[in-house]
Amino acid sequence: MASSTKNINVDVLNRILGVLQDKRTIKITKLAMYSGINYNTCKRYLQLMRVFGLIENSSDDKSTMIKVTEEGIKIHNALNDQ
């Protein structure tokens, strides 16, 4: 886990949380696109965000959807002074 947390960009984290707050649930590919990052970087951030309880997965038969938690909304609001 240490290697995946050494270069965390708070701006990227904030952008991901913003997209999630706006869209509510979204596939990883679209989340990466709307956040302006590549798919692998998005997955790395999502792993970290899951550990901290900022997101949760919602799966159906075809795909995994990502959803922001109340804690994630609080962090996003705090980062944006709301």
N, C-alpha and C. Protein backbone atom coordinates (compact mmCIF):
# COMPACT_ATOMS: atom_id res chain seq x y z
N MET A 1 0.82 -1.19 0.00
CA MET A 1 0.00 0.00 0.00
C MET A 1 0.86 1.25 0.00
N ALA A 2 2.02 1.21 0.60
CA ALA A 2 2.86 2.40 0.70
C ALA A 2 3.22 2.95 -0.67
N SER A 3 3.51 2.09 -1.62
CA SER A 3 3.90 2.56 -2.94
C SER A 3 2.74 3.22 -3.67
N SER A 4 1.51 2.84 -3.38
CA SER A 4 0.37 3.42 -4.07
C SER A 4 -0.06 4.75 -3.47
N THR A 5 0.48 5.11 -2.31
CA THR A 5 0.08 6.36 -1.66
C THR A 5 1.17 7.42 -1.68
N LYS A 6 2.28 7.17 -2.33
CA LYS A 6 3.38 8.13 -2.23
C LYS A 6 3.17 9.39 -3.07
N ASN A 7 2.35 9.36 -4.08
CA ASN A 7 2.14 10.53 -4.92
C ASN A 7 0.66 10.85 -5.07
N ILE A 8 0.03 11.17 -3.97
CA ILE A 8 -1.39 11.50 -4.00
C ILE A 8 -1.53 12.99 -4.29
N ASN A 9 -2.30 13.31 -5.31
CA ASN A 9 -2.56 14.69 -5.69
C ASN A 9 -3.96 15.04 -5.19
N VAL A 10 -4.04 15.99 -4.27
CA VAL A 10 -5.32 16.36 -3.67
C VAL A 10 -6.27 16.93 -4.73
N ASP A 11 -5.73 17.62 -5.72
CA ASP A 11 -6.57 18.16 -6.79
C ASP A 11 -7.26 17.02 -7.56
N VAL A 12 -6.54 15.96 -7.85
CA VAL A 12 -7.11 14.81 -8.55
C VAL A 12 -8.17 14.16 -7.68
N LEU A 13 -7.87 13.98 -6.42
CA LEU A 13 -8.83 13.41 -5.48
C LEU A 13 -10.10 14.26 -5.44
N ASN A 14 -9.94 15.56 -5.39
CA ASN A 14 -11.07 16.48 -5.36
C ASN A 14 -11.89 16.41 -6.65
N ARG A 15 -11.22 16.30 -7.78
CA ARG A 15 -11.93 16.19 -9.06
C ARG A 15 -12.75 14.91 -9.12
N ILE A 16 -12.18 13.80 -8.67
CA ILE A 16 -12.90 12.53 -8.66
C ILE A 16 -14.13 12.63 -7.75
N LEU A 17 -13.94 13.19 -6.56
CA LEU A 17 -15.07 13.34 -5.64
C LEU A 17 -16.14 14.26 -6.22
N GLY A 18 -15.72 15.30 -6.92
CA GLY A 18 -16.67 16.21 -7.54
C GLY A 18 -17.52 15.53 -8.60
N VAL A 19 -16.88 14.72 -9.43
CA VAL A 19 -17.62 13.98 -10.46
C VAL A 19 -18.58 13.01 -9.80
N LEU A 20 -18.11 12.31 -8.79
CA LEU A 20 -18.97 11.35 -8.10
C LEU A 20 -20.15 12.04 -7.42
N GLN A 21 -19.92 13.19 -6.84
CA GLN A 21 -21.01 13.90 -6.19
C GLN A 21 -22.03 14.37 -7.23
N ASP A 22 -21.55 14.78 -8.38
CA ASP A 22 -22.44 15.24 -9.45
C ASP A 22 -23.22 14.10 -10.09
N LYS A 23 -22.54 12.99 -10.39
CA LYS A 23 -23.15 11.88 -11.12
C LYS A 23 -23.82 10.84 -10.23
N ARG A 24 -23.49 10.80 -8.97
CA ARG A 24 -24.00 9.83 -7.98
C ARG A 24 -23.44 8.43 -8.16
N THR A 25 -23.67 7.77 -9.29
CA THR A 25 -23.03 6.48 -9.59
C THR A 25 -22.51 6.54 -11.01
N ILE A 26 -21.36 5.91 -11.23
CA ILE A 26 -20.71 6.01 -12.53
C ILE A 26 -19.74 4.85 -12.70
N LYS A 27 -19.53 4.44 -13.94
CA LYS A 27 -18.53 3.42 -14.25
C LYS A 27 -17.14 4.05 -14.17
N ILE A 28 -16.14 3.21 -13.91
CA ILE A 28 -14.77 3.69 -13.75
C ILE A 28 -14.27 4.39 -15.01
N THR A 29 -14.57 3.85 -16.17
CA THR A 29 -14.10 4.45 -17.43
C THR A 29 -14.61 5.88 -17.59
N LYS A 30 -15.90 6.07 -17.35
CA LYS A 30 -16.48 7.42 -17.46
C LYS A 30 -15.95 8.34 -16.37
N LEU A 31 -15.77 7.80 -15.17
CA LEU A 31 -15.23 8.59 -14.07
C LEU A 31 -13.83 9.10 -14.42
N ALA A 32 -13.00 8.24 -14.96
CA ALA A 32 -11.66 8.65 -15.37
C ALA A 32 -11.74 9.75 -16.42
N MET A 33 -12.61 9.57 -17.41
CA MET A 33 -12.75 10.55 -18.48
C MET A 33 -13.19 11.91 -17.93
N TYR A 34 -14.25 11.92 -17.12
CA TYR A 34 -14.76 13.17 -16.57
C TYR A 34 -13.78 13.83 -15.60
N SER A 35 -12.93 13.02 -14.96
CA SER A 35 -11.94 13.54 -14.01
C SER A 35 -10.67 14.01 -14.69
N GLY A 36 -10.51 13.66 -15.96
CA GLY A 36 -9.32 14.09 -16.70
C GLY A 36 -8.07 13.30 -16.37
N ILE A 37 -8.25 12.03 -16.00
CA ILE A 37 -7.10 11.17 -15.70
C ILE A 37 -7.25 9.86 -16.46
N ASN A 38 -6.15 9.11 -16.56
CA ASN A 38 -6.26 7.84 -17.27
C ASN A 38 -6.86 6.76 -16.37
N TYR A 39 -7.29 5.69 -17.00
CA TYR A 39 -8.01 4.62 -16.32
C TYR A 39 -7.21 4.02 -15.16
N ASN A 40 -5.93 3.72 -15.40
CA ASN A 40 -5.11 3.08 -14.35
C ASN A 40 -4.90 4.00 -13.16
N THR A 41 -4.70 5.28 -13.42
CA THR A 41 -4.56 6.25 -12.33
C THR A 41 -5.85 6.33 -11.55
N CYS A 42 -6.97 6.34 -12.24
CA CYS A 42 -8.28 6.38 -11.60
C CYS A 42 -8.46 5.17 -10.68
N LYS A 43 -8.13 3.99 -11.17
CA LYS A 43 -8.27 2.78 -10.36
C LYS A 43 -7.40 2.85 -9.10
N ARG A 44 -6.19 3.40 -9.23
CA ARG A 44 -5.28 3.53 -8.09
C ARG A 44 -5.90 4.46 -7.03
N TYR A 45 -6.44 5.59 -7.48
CA TYR A 45 -7.09 6.51 -6.54
C TYR A 45 -8.31 5.87 -5.91
N LEU A 46 -9.08 5.14 -6.68
CA LEU A 46 -10.28 4.51 -6.15
C LEU A 46 -9.95 3.48 -5.07
N GLN A 47 -8.85 2.76 -5.24
CA GLN A 47 -8.43 1.80 -4.21
C GLN A 47 -8.17 2.52 -2.90
N LEU A 48 -7.46 3.62 -2.97
CA LEU A 48 -7.15 4.40 -1.77
C LEU A 48 -8.43 4.99 -1.17
N MET A 49 -9.29 5.52 -2.01
CA MET A 49 -10.52 6.14 -1.54
C MET A 49 -11.44 5.12 -0.88
N ARG A 50 -11.42 3.89 -1.38
CA ARG A 50 -12.22 2.81 -0.79
C ARG A 50 -11.72 2.50 0.62
N VAL A 51 -10.40 2.46 0.79
CA VAL A 51 -9.79 2.19 2.10
C VAL A 51 -10.24 3.24 3.13
N PHE A 52 -10.31 4.49 2.70
CA PHE A 52 -10.69 5.57 3.60
C PHE A 52 -12.21 5.79 3.70
N GLY A 53 -12.98 4.95 3.03
CA GLY A 53 -14.42 5.02 3.13
C GLY A 53 -15.06 6.17 2.38
N LEU A 54 -14.37 6.69 1.36
CA LEU A 54 -14.90 7.81 0.59
C LEU A 54 -15.81 7.37 -0.54
N ILE A 55 -15.67 6.10 -0.95
CA ILE A 55 -16.48 5.55 -2.04
C ILE A 55 -16.90 4.13 -1.68
N GLU A 56 -17.87 3.64 -2.43
CA GLU A 56 -18.23 2.22 -2.34
C GLU A 56 -18.59 1.73 -3.73
N ASN A 57 -18.46 0.43 -3.91
CA ASN A 57 -18.80 -0.20 -5.18
C ASN A 57 -20.24 -0.65 -5.18
N SER A 58 -20.84 -0.56 -6.34
CA SER A 58 -22.18 -1.08 -6.55
C SER A 58 -22.12 -1.87 -7.85
N SER A 59 -22.31 -3.16 -7.79
CA SER A 59 -22.16 -4.00 -8.97
C SER A 59 -23.50 -4.54 -9.45
N ASP A 60 -23.62 -4.65 -10.77
CA ASP A 60 -24.74 -5.36 -11.35
C ASP A 60 -24.16 -6.51 -12.18
N ASP A 61 -24.95 -7.12 -13.00
CA ASP A 61 -24.48 -8.27 -13.77
C ASP A 61 -23.39 -7.90 -14.78
N LYS A 62 -23.40 -6.67 -15.26
CA LYS A 62 -22.50 -6.30 -16.35
C LYS A 62 -21.29 -5.48 -15.92
N SER A 63 -21.40 -4.65 -14.90
CA SER A 63 -20.30 -3.76 -14.59
C SER A 63 -20.30 -3.34 -13.13
N THR A 64 -19.19 -2.73 -12.75
CA THR A 64 -19.04 -2.17 -11.41
C THR A 64 -19.27 -0.67 -11.48
N MET A 65 -20.14 -0.19 -10.63
CA MET A 65 -20.41 1.24 -10.53
C MET A 65 -19.77 1.76 -9.25
N ILE A 66 -19.33 3.00 -9.29
CA ILE A 66 -18.71 3.64 -8.14
C ILE A 66 -19.68 4.68 -7.60
N LYS A 67 -19.79 4.73 -6.28
CA LYS A 67 -20.70 5.67 -5.63
C LYS A 67 -19.95 6.37 -4.49
N VAL A 68 -20.17 7.67 -4.36
CA VAL A 68 -19.55 8.43 -3.27
C VAL A 68 -20.34 8.18 -1.99
N THR A 69 -19.63 8.13 -0.86
CA THR A 69 -20.27 7.95 0.44
C THR A 69 -20.49 9.33 1.07
N GLU A 70 -21.20 9.34 2.17
CA GLU A 70 -21.41 10.60 2.91
C GLU A 70 -20.07 11.19 3.34
N GLU A 71 -19.15 10.32 3.75
CA GLU A 71 -17.81 10.79 4.15
C GLU A 71 -17.10 11.43 2.97
N GLY A 72 -17.24 10.84 1.79
CA GLY A 72 -16.64 11.41 0.58
C GLY A 72 -17.21 12.78 0.25
N ILE A 73 -18.51 12.93 0.45
CA ILE A 73 -19.16 14.23 0.21
C ILE A 73 -18.63 15.26 1.21
N LYS A 74 -18.47 14.87 2.46
CA LYS A 74 -17.93 15.78 3.48
C LYS A 74 -16.53 16.24 3.12
N ILE A 75 -15.69 15.30 2.68
CA ILE A 75 -14.31 15.65 2.30
C ILE A 75 -14.32 16.59 1.10
N HIS A 76 -15.14 16.28 0.10
CA HIS A 76 -15.23 17.14 -1.08
C HIS A 76 -15.66 18.55 -0.69
N ASN A 77 -16.68 18.64 0.15
CA ASN A 77 -17.15 19.95 0.59
C ASN A 77 -16.07 20.70 1.39
N ALA A 78 -15.33 19.98 2.22
CA ALA A 78 -14.27 20.61 3.00
C ALA A 78 -13.14 21.12 2.09
N LEU A 79 -12.82 20.34 1.07
CA LEU A 79 -11.77 20.77 0.13
C LEU A 79 -12.19 22.00 -0.67
N ASN A 80 -13.49 22.19 -0.79
CA ASN A 80 -14.01 23.33 -1.55
C ASN A 80 -14.64 24.40 -0.64
N ASP A 81 -14.36 24.30 0.66
CA ASP A 81 -14.84 25.28 1.65
C ASP A 81 -16.34 25.53 1.57
N GLN A 82 -17.11 24.47 1.52
CA GLN A 82 -18.57 24.62 1.45
C GLN A 82 -19.20 24.22 2.75
